[in-house]
Amino acid sequence: MDIKQIITALTEGEGVSGNEQTLGKAAELLSEYAQVRRDSLGSIIGTLGEGKTHIMLDAHLDRIGLIVTAIDDSGFLRVDKCGGCDPRILSAATVTVWGKKPVFGVITSTPPHLAKAEDSSKAPSFDNLYVDTGLDGEALRKTVSVGDRITIDAPVISLTDNIITGSALDDRIGVAALLRVADILKEEKPAVKVTFIFSAQEETTEAGAKTGAFAISPDEAIAVDVSFGNAPGISDSQCGKLGDGGMICISPSLSNEMTAQLMSIADKKGIKHKTEVCPSSTGTNADVISVSKSGVKTGLVSIPLRNMHTQAELADIDDIESVAQIIASYIIERGESENA
């Protein structure tokens, strides 16, 4: 499996929160391993294997973006964030407006010669951000409507053999990690039932994981998301070093037993990993999965990511492989214990 190629394919689509139905590639890739369906929110679900224990694996499918709130007569689009977009990095960015057909544009930027002195030290508010497509209002309204989603243009680029950069790596690299798990399990055929969910709307409401966990009703679950990667100005205690493996989370919202088992397996197998501590909740789908129905034993393994929620996110392919190996090893061992 070429993880880099899969990530490139996964990030080429739109899939801003609430519009995950536009992403067919993830379903196509998962269908190589399992019979796939979409639920009513747009999450992609597939199950493989059989066994007494049912394990759910989650990575969210949606990405952050913008949403059109108004179209003025001169053709400028008023926008707001859809998910946690950082306004500091938006000025002069090139974007795609996903209307009846894709429309390319740029986010307006006031020239420094005309900007007020006080504006140079702060990020623009969304009240002052517009998208310029070069079209007038009449022409634009034929293709674009209020509510259409907008993504920042940033294709996946290799900086080194292992380091990639691009937009929507959060959490399409998590989806890629789970596809790699499916690839491993296809050969191993563990004696457990595994349901994959590429969940919708994590960046806005976590609705896909909430409803998905309720419907799937697993015995255990492991979520895969991104966490903070090391960079200048960030304390080592707050992040994971790129290339040092997946980050196994310790948190009150997670199962101590599963967390310890994930760590033990990674140590035993010699899989690179780091411990991450989330002293309250994790800020991921793991939190809502763990309290589904009467409760689900849940673990979290994250991939360190630099420049999170920007169009220049950075990740290491080796960390994605590490996460996949930890999770696959856990599932295989659970299957072996079922037959013991």
Protein backbone atom coordinates (compact mmCIF):
# COMPACT_ATOMS: atom_id res chain seq x y z
CA MET A 1 0.00 0.00 0.00
CA ASP A 2 1.39 3.42 -1.01
CA ILE A 3 0.24 5.60 1.90
CA LYS A 4 1.44 8.82 0.27
CA GLN A 5 -0.54 8.08 -2.89
CA ILE A 6 -3.66 7.32 -0.84
CA ILE A 7 -3.34 10.58 1.12
CA THR A 8 -3.00 12.51 -2.13
CA ALA A 9 -6.18 10.90 -3.45
CA LEU A 10 -8.08 11.53 -0.21
CA THR A 11 -7.15 15.21 -0.03
CA GLU A 12 -8.09 16.04 -3.63
CA GLY A 13 -11.79 16.13 -2.81
CA GLU A 14 -13.85 18.65 -0.87
CA GLY A 15 -15.63 17.15 2.13
CA VAL A 16 -15.89 20.24 4.33
CA SER A 17 -17.99 19.45 7.43
CA GLY A 18 -21.56 18.59 6.50
CA ASN A 19 -20.65 17.93 2.88
CA GLU A 20 -18.84 14.60 3.22
CA GLN A 21 -21.07 13.02 0.56
CA THR A 22 -18.84 14.67 -2.04
CA LEU A 23 -15.98 12.34 -1.11
CA GLY A 24 -16.26 9.07 -2.99
CA LYS A 25 -12.60 8.06 -2.91
CA ALA A 26 -12.56 6.99 0.75
CA ALA A 27 -15.55 4.69 0.19
CA GLU A 28 -13.95 3.28 -2.95
CA LEU A 29 -10.70 2.50 -1.09
CA LEU A 30 -12.45 0.90 1.90
CA SER A 31 -14.63 -1.22 -0.40
CA GLU A 32 -11.52 -3.21 -1.32
CA TYR A 33 -11.66 -4.70 2.18
CA ALA A 34 -15.28 -4.52 3.33
CA GLN A 35 -18.82 -4.01 2.13
CA VAL A 36 -19.34 -0.27 2.48
CA ARG A 37 -22.38 1.86 3.23
CA ARG A 38 -23.04 5.49 4.05
CA ASP A 39 -25.23 6.52 6.93
CA SER A 40 -27.68 9.40 6.88
CA LEU A 41 -25.01 11.94 7.93
CA GLY A 42 -22.55 10.91 5.24
CA SER A 43 -20.18 8.80 7.34
CA ILE A 44 -18.61 5.84 5.54
CA ILE A 45 -18.94 2.49 7.34
CA GLY A 46 -17.53 -0.94 6.52
CA THR A 47 -17.20 -4.15 8.54
CA LEU A 48 -14.83 -7.07 8.17
CA GLY A 49 -14.14 -10.23 10.16
CA GLU A 50 -16.21 -12.20 12.62
CA GLY A 51 -15.88 -12.80 16.32
CA LYS A 52 -17.33 -12.35 19.76
CA THR A 53 -15.62 -9.00 20.29
CA HIS A 54 -16.69 -6.05 18.13
CA ILE A 55 -14.14 -3.23 17.73
CA MET A 56 -14.92 0.09 16.05
CA LEU A 57 -12.14 2.12 14.42
CA ASP A 58 -12.86 5.80 13.78
CA ALA A 59 -11.14 8.57 11.82
CA HIS A 60 -13.03 11.65 10.75
CA LEU A 61 -13.59 12.29 7.09
CA ASP A 62 -14.42 15.99 7.12
CA ARG A 63 -12.03 18.91 6.79
CA ILE A 64 -12.21 22.52 7.89
CA GLY A 65 -13.16 25.16 5.35
CA LEU A 66 -15.32 28.20 4.75
CA ILE A 67 -19.00 28.60 3.93
CA VAL A 68 -20.58 31.25 1.70
CA THR A 69 -22.88 33.53 3.71
CA ALA A 70 -23.72 36.19 1.07
CA ILE A 71 -22.99 37.24 -2.52
CA ASP A 72 -22.87 40.96 -3.16
CA ASP A 73 -23.73 42.55 -6.49
CA SER A 74 -20.10 43.33 -7.29
CA GLY A 75 -19.29 39.62 -7.08
CA PHE A 76 -17.49 39.40 -3.75
CA LEU A 77 -18.45 36.47 -1.51
CA ARG A 78 -19.00 36.98 2.19
CA VAL A 79 -17.78 33.94 4.12
CA ASP A 80 -17.54 32.46 7.58
CA LYS A 81 -15.62 29.52 8.99
CA CYS A 82 -16.93 25.97 8.84
CA GLY A 83 -14.83 24.26 11.48
CA GLY A 84 -11.78 25.78 13.15
CA CYS A 85 -10.31 27.85 10.31
CA ASP A 86 -7.49 30.14 11.46
CA PRO A 87 -8.06 33.66 10.05
CA ARG A 88 -4.36 34.48 10.47
CA ILE A 89 -3.43 32.43 7.39
CA LEU A 90 -6.34 33.25 5.08
CA SER A 91 -5.45 36.61 3.51
CA ALA A 92 -4.51 36.25 -0.18
CA ALA A 93 -5.00 32.46 -0.12
CA THR A 94 -6.21 30.81 -3.31
CA VAL A 95 -9.46 28.89 -2.85
CA THR A 96 -12.02 26.71 -4.59
CA VAL A 97 -15.70 27.49 -4.18
CA TRP A 98 -17.68 24.27 -4.54
CA GLY A 99 -20.75 25.51 -6.38
CA LYS A 100 -22.62 23.81 -9.21
CA LYS A 101 -19.13 23.51 -10.63
CA PRO A 102 -15.80 24.46 -8.97
CA VAL A 103 -15.07 28.20 -9.07
CA PHE A 104 -11.57 29.42 -8.29
CA GLY A 105 -10.93 32.55 -6.31
CA VAL A 106 -8.68 34.37 -3.86
CA ILE A 107 -9.33 35.76 -0.41
CA THR A 108 -9.02 39.54 -0.50
CA SER A 109 -6.05 41.21 1.16
CA THR A 110 -5.65 44.92 1.86
CA PRO A 111 -2.29 46.19 0.50
CA PRO A 112 0.08 47.22 3.31
CA HIS A 113 0.18 50.76 1.86
CA LEU A 114 -3.55 51.14 2.59
CA ALA A 115 -3.82 49.17 5.81
CA LYS A 116 -4.25 50.90 9.15
CA ALA A 117 -1.26 50.71 11.46
CA GLU A 118 -3.23 48.83 14.13
CA ASP A 119 -4.26 46.16 11.60
CA SER A 120 -0.69 44.93 11.11
CA SER A 121 -0.62 43.35 14.55
CA LYS A 122 -3.87 41.37 14.40
CA ALA A 123 -5.58 38.77 12.27
CA PRO A 124 -8.48 39.94 10.09
CA SER A 125 -11.94 39.08 11.38
CA PHE A 126 -14.32 37.08 9.23
CA ASP A 127 -16.41 40.24 8.92
CA ASN A 128 -13.57 41.67 6.83
CA LEU A 129 -12.77 38.65 4.68
CA TYR A 130 -14.16 38.29 1.17
CA VAL A 131 -13.56 35.90 -1.71
CA ASP A 132 -12.88 37.43 -5.13
CA THR A 133 -13.60 35.17 -8.10
CA GLY A 134 -13.27 37.85 -10.76
CA LEU A 135 -16.97 37.42 -11.63
CA ASP A 136 -19.72 39.95 -11.06
CA GLY A 137 -22.68 39.13 -8.83
CA GLU A 138 -25.03 38.15 -11.65
CA ALA A 139 -22.58 35.74 -13.23
CA LEU A 140 -21.49 34.30 -9.88
CA ARG A 141 -25.04 33.55 -8.72
CA LYS A 142 -25.53 31.24 -11.71
CA THR A 143 -22.97 28.86 -10.22
CA VAL A 144 -22.52 29.72 -6.54
CA SER A 145 -25.16 29.78 -3.79
CA VAL A 146 -25.25 30.77 -0.16
CA GLY A 147 -24.19 27.71 1.85
CA ASP A 148 -21.65 26.43 -0.67
CA ARG A 149 -18.39 25.30 0.91
CA ILE A 150 -14.94 26.69 0.16
CA THR A 151 -11.56 25.00 0.53
CA ILE A 152 -8.05 26.46 0.53
CA ASP A 153 -6.00 25.22 -2.43
CA ALA A 154 -2.92 23.30 -1.28
CA PRO A 155 -2.07 19.97 -2.94
CA VAL A 156 -0.01 17.36 -1.13
CA ILE A 157 3.71 17.97 -1.71
CA SER A 158 6.65 15.81 -0.60
CA LEU A 159 9.26 17.82 1.29
CA THR A 160 11.39 14.72 1.89
CA ASP A 161 10.90 11.00 1.29
CA ASN A 162 8.80 10.86 4.46
CA ILE A 163 7.56 14.40 5.18
CA ILE A 164 4.49 15.64 3.30
CA THR A 165 2.65 18.95 3.44
CA GLY A 166 -0.78 20.03 2.28
CA SER A 167 -4.27 20.86 3.45
CA ALA A 168 -6.85 18.45 4.92
CA LEU A 169 -4.19 16.16 6.39
CA ASP A 170 -6.40 16.55 9.48
CA ASP A 171 -7.79 13.93 9.42
CA ARG A 172 -7.37 12.32 6.01
CA ILE A 173 -4.05 10.91 7.26
CA GLY A 174 -6.09 9.20 10.00
CA VAL A 175 -8.32 7.71 7.30
CA ALA A 176 -5.18 6.55 5.47
CA ALA A 177 -3.88 4.93 8.67
CA LEU A 178 -7.11 2.96 9.05
CA LEU A 179 -7.02 1.89 5.41
CA ARG A 180 -3.54 0.56 6.14
CA VAL A 181 -4.99 -1.32 9.15
CA ALA A 182 -7.61 -2.86 6.85
CA ASP A 183 -4.83 -3.92 4.49
CA ILE A 184 -2.94 -5.66 7.30
CA LEU A 185 -6.05 -7.36 8.69
CA LYS A 186 -7.00 -8.67 5.26
CA GLU A 187 -3.98 -10.96 5.43
CA GLU A 188 -4.13 -11.74 9.17
CA LYS A 189 -7.88 -12.43 9.44
CA PRO A 190 -8.14 -11.91 13.22
CA ALA A 191 -11.00 -13.58 15.12
CA VAL A 192 -12.77 -10.33 15.96
CA LYS A 193 -15.34 -8.21 14.20
CA VAL A 194 -13.97 -4.83 13.10
CA THR A 195 -16.09 -1.92 11.88
CA PHE A 196 -14.40 1.05 10.25
CA ILE A 197 -16.14 4.42 10.32
CA PHE A 198 -14.84 7.45 8.46
CA SER A 199 -17.05 9.82 10.37
CA ALA A 200 -18.72 13.05 9.32
CA GLN A 201 -18.80 16.45 11.01
CA GLU A 202 -16.03 16.05 13.60
CA GLU A 203 -14.80 19.59 12.99
CA THR A 204 -18.20 21.07 13.84
CA THR A 205 -20.33 18.84 16.09
CA GLU A 206 -18.73 15.35 16.24
CA ALA A 207 -22.13 14.18 15.03
CA GLY A 208 -20.84 11.38 12.81
CA ALA A 209 -19.00 9.66 15.65
CA LYS A 210 -21.91 10.15 18.08
CA THR A 211 -24.51 8.60 15.81
CA GLY A 212 -22.10 6.07 14.31
CA ALA A 213 -21.04 4.67 17.68
CA PHE A 214 -24.69 4.46 18.76
CA ALA A 215 -25.66 2.53 15.62
CA ILE A 216 -22.59 0.26 15.51
CA SER A 217 -22.72 -0.44 19.27
CA PRO A 218 -19.17 -1.82 19.57
CA ASP A 219 -17.59 -3.44 22.63
CA GLU A 220 -14.43 -1.38 22.17
CA ALA A 221 -13.29 1.50 19.97
CA ILE A 222 -10.07 3.17 18.89
CA ALA A 223 -10.12 6.66 17.42
CA VAL A 224 -7.39 8.02 15.18
CA ASP A 225 -6.89 11.75 14.88
CA VAL A 226 -4.03 14.22 14.65
CA SER A 227 -2.26 15.89 17.53
CA PHE A 228 0.32 18.66 17.78
CA GLY A 229 3.66 18.08 16.07
CA ASN A 230 6.90 19.59 17.33
CA ALA A 231 7.84 23.03 16.01
CA PRO A 232 9.77 26.10 17.20
CA GLY A 233 8.00 27.90 20.02
CA ILE A 234 6.04 24.84 21.19
CA SER A 235 7.04 22.97 24.36
CA ASP A 236 8.07 19.34 23.84
CA SER A 237 5.60 18.37 26.57
CA GLN A 238 2.75 19.69 24.40
CA CYS A 239 3.59 17.86 21.21
CA GLY A 240 4.99 14.79 19.52
CA LYS A 241 8.14 14.77 17.43
CA LEU A 242 7.58 13.96 13.79
CA GLY A 243 9.11 10.58 13.00
CA ASP A 244 8.89 9.31 16.59
CA GLY A 245 5.72 7.33 15.97
CA GLY A 246 2.07 7.51 16.96
CA MET A 247 0.91 9.20 20.16
CA ILE A 248 -1.00 6.93 22.56
CA CYS A 249 -3.24 9.09 24.71
CA ILE A 250 -3.82 8.87 28.45
CA SER A 251 -7.01 10.69 29.47
CA PRO A 252 -9.86 10.41 31.98
CA SER A 253 -12.23 10.06 29.02
CA LEU A 254 -10.43 6.93 27.78
CA SER A 255 -10.16 3.34 28.98
CA ASN A 256 -7.11 2.89 31.20
CA GLU A 257 -7.10 -0.80 30.33
CA MET A 258 -7.07 -0.26 26.57
CA THR A 259 -4.49 2.51 26.81
CA ALA A 260 -2.14 0.29 28.83
CA GLN A 261 -2.66 -2.56 26.38
CA LEU A 262 -1.92 -0.34 23.37
CA MET A 263 1.31 0.81 25.04
CA SER A 264 2.29 -2.72 26.02
CA ILE A 265 1.76 -4.02 22.49
CA ALA A 266 3.74 -1.15 20.96
CA ASP A 267 6.60 -1.81 23.39
CA LYS A 268 6.52 -5.56 22.80
CA LYS A 269 6.47 -5.17 19.01
CA GLY A 270 9.12 -2.43 19.00
CA ILE A 271 6.75 0.04 17.29
CA LYS A 272 7.83 3.64 17.79
CA HIS A 273 5.36 5.66 19.85
CA LYS A 274 5.01 8.42 22.40
CA THR A 275 2.69 8.95 25.34
CA GLU A 276 0.33 11.92 25.16
CA VAL A 277 -1.52 13.17 28.24
CA CYS A 278 -4.90 14.91 27.89
CA PRO A 279 -5.77 15.82 31.49
CA SER A 280 -9.49 16.36 30.86
CA SER A 281 -11.05 15.38 27.54
CA THR A 282 -9.13 14.63 24.33
CA GLY A 283 -10.86 17.08 21.98
CA THR A 284 -11.44 14.22 19.53
CA ASN A 285 -14.21 11.81 18.58
CA ALA A 286 -12.93 9.47 21.29
CA ASP A 287 -14.74 11.59 23.89
CA VAL A 288 -18.20 11.11 22.40
CA ILE A 289 -17.62 7.48 21.41
CA SER A 290 -16.71 6.55 24.98
CA VAL A 291 -20.08 7.75 26.34
CA SER A 292 -22.25 6.22 23.61
CA LYS A 293 -25.20 4.19 24.93
CA SER A 294 -24.05 2.64 28.23
CA GLY A 295 -20.38 3.40 27.52
CA VAL A 296 -17.70 2.05 25.17
CA LYS A 297 -14.14 1.18 26.20
CA THR A 298 -12.18 3.57 23.99
CA GLY A 299 -8.55 4.28 23.13
CA LEU A 300 -6.95 7.07 21.09
CA VAL A 301 -3.85 6.93 18.93
CA SER A 302 -2.89 10.19 17.22
CA ILE A 303 -0.54 11.28 14.45
CA PRO A 304 1.69 14.31 15.16
CA LEU A 305 0.93 17.16 12.77
CA ARG A 306 2.61 20.53 12.38
CA ASN A 307 0.69 23.69 11.42
CA MET A 308 -2.68 22.16 12.31
CA HIS A 309 -5.75 23.78 10.70
CA THR A 310 -3.76 25.51 7.99
CA GLN A 311 -3.16 24.82 4.30
CA ALA A 312 0.44 23.82 5.11
CA GLU A 313 0.01 20.95 7.55
CA LEU A 314 3.05 18.64 7.84
CA ALA A 315 3.14 14.95 8.70
CA ASP A 316 5.57 12.03 8.56
CA ILE A 317 4.54 8.91 6.64
CA ASP A 318 6.42 6.76 9.19
CA ASP A 319 4.12 8.03 11.97
CA ILE A 320 1.06 7.02 9.96
CA GLU A 321 2.53 3.54 9.53
CA SER A 322 3.32 3.40 13.26
CA VAL A 323 -0.31 4.18 14.16
CA ALA A 324 -1.55 1.52 11.74
CA GLN A 325 0.84 -1.11 13.14
CA ILE A 326 -0.13 -0.37 16.77
CA ILE A 327 -3.85 -0.68 16.04
CA ALA A 328 -3.52 -3.74 13.80
CA SER A 329 -1.33 -5.47 16.41
CA TYR A 330 -3.90 -4.70 19.11
CA ILE A 331 -6.72 -6.22 17.03
CA ILE A 332 -4.69 -9.30 16.12
CA GLU A 333 -3.80 -9.88 19.79
CA ARG A 334 -7.47 -9.46 20.79
CA GLY A 335 -8.34 -12.12 18.24
CA GLU A 336 -5.70 -14.47 19.61
CA SER A 337 -7.04 -14.01 23.16
CA GLU A 338 -10.52 -14.89 21.89
CA ASN A 339 -9.22 -18.26 20.69
CA ALA A 340 -7.02 -18.97 23.71
